[in-house]
């Protein structure tokens, strides 16, 4: 499934930094992980 979203440039730069440093393979992977953590927090 494809979901589009808008993020402030600052957050995109942080996502790019995390992928460049090898924490995630892509922005998509980083965002999916962040959403998983958020959902777990509210379970």
C-alpha atoms as a PDB file:
ATOM      1  CA  UNK A   1       0.000   0.000   0.000  1.00  0.00           C
ATOM      2  CA  UNK A   2       1.233   3.492  -0.795  1.00  0.00           C
ATOM      3  CA  UNK A   3       0.670   6.371   1.629  1.00  0.00           C
ATOM      4  CA  UNK A   4       1.790   9.889   0.804  1.00  0.00           C
ATOM      5  CA  UNK A   5       2.680  12.414   3.472  1.00  0.00           C
ATOM      6  CA  UNK A   6       4.273  15.799   3.835  1.00  0.00           C
ATOM      7  CA  UNK A   7       7.080  16.357   6.291  1.00  0.00           C
ATOM      8  CA  UNK A   8       9.026  19.461   7.245  1.00  0.00           C
ATOM      9  CA  UNK A   9      12.403  19.672   5.519  1.00  0.00           C
ATOM     10  CA  UNK A  10      14.146  19.291   8.884  1.00  0.00           C
ATOM     11  CA  UNK A  11      12.584  15.854   9.428  1.00  0.00           C
ATOM     12  CA  UNK A  12      13.463  14.723   5.904  1.00  0.00           C
ATOM     13  CA  UNK A  13      17.076  15.763   6.506  1.00  0.00           C
ATOM     14  CA  UNK A  14      17.096  13.707   9.714  1.00  0.00           C
ATOM     15  CA  UNK A  15      15.652  10.694   7.874  1.00  0.00           C
ATOM     16  CA  UNK A  16      18.320  11.093   5.206  1.00  0.00           C
ATOM     17  CA  UNK A  17      21.024  11.264   7.869  1.00  0.00           C
ATOM     18  CA  UNK A  18      19.774   8.028   9.447  1.00  0.00           C
ATOM     19  CA  UNK A  19      19.807   6.258   6.082  1.00  0.00           C
ATOM     20  CA  UNK A  20      23.226   7.656   5.129  1.00  0.00           C
ATOM     21  CA  UNK A  21      24.657   6.467   8.449  1.00  0.00           C
ATOM     22  CA  UNK A  22      23.280   2.987   7.775  1.00  0.00           C
ATOM     23  CA  UNK A  23      20.604   2.850  10.473  1.00  0.00           C
ATOM     24  CA  UNK A  24      17.949   2.278   7.793  1.00  0.00           C
ATOM     25  CA  UNK A  25      18.040   1.181   4.180  1.00  0.00           C
ATOM     26  CA  UNK A  26      15.620   3.873   3.042  1.00  0.00           C
ATOM     27  CA  UNK A  27      13.353   6.684   4.179  1.00  0.00           C
ATOM     28  CA  UNK A  28      10.434   4.278   3.829  1.00  0.00           C
ATOM     29  CA  UNK A  29      12.031   1.819   6.230  1.00  0.00           C
ATOM     30  CA  UNK A  30      12.738   4.585   8.763  1.00  0.00           C
ATOM     31  CA  UNK A  31       9.194   5.968   8.611  1.00  0.00           C
ATOM     32  CA  UNK A  32       7.652   2.490   8.887  1.00  0.00           C
ATOM     33  CA  UNK A  33       9.786   1.781  11.959  1.00  0.00           C
ATOM     34  CA  UNK A  34       8.758   5.086  13.547  1.00  0.00           C
ATOM     35  CA  UNK A  35       5.080   4.296  12.953  1.00  0.00           C
ATOM     36  CA  UNK A  36       5.504   0.796  14.428  1.00  0.00           C
ATOM     37  CA  UNK A  37       7.066   2.294  17.559  1.00  0.00           C
ATOM     38  CA  UNK A  38       4.260   4.844  17.863  1.00  0.00           C
ATOM     39  CA  UNK A  39       1.571   2.172  17.524  1.00  0.00           C
ATOM     40  CA  UNK A  40       3.280  -0.050  20.112  1.00  0.00           C
ATOM     41  CA  UNK A  41       3.380   2.874  22.525  1.00  0.00           C
ATOM     42  CA  UNK A  42      -0.401   3.247  22.416  1.00  0.00           C
ATOM     43  CA  UNK A  43      -1.300  -0.461  22.648  1.00  0.00           C
END
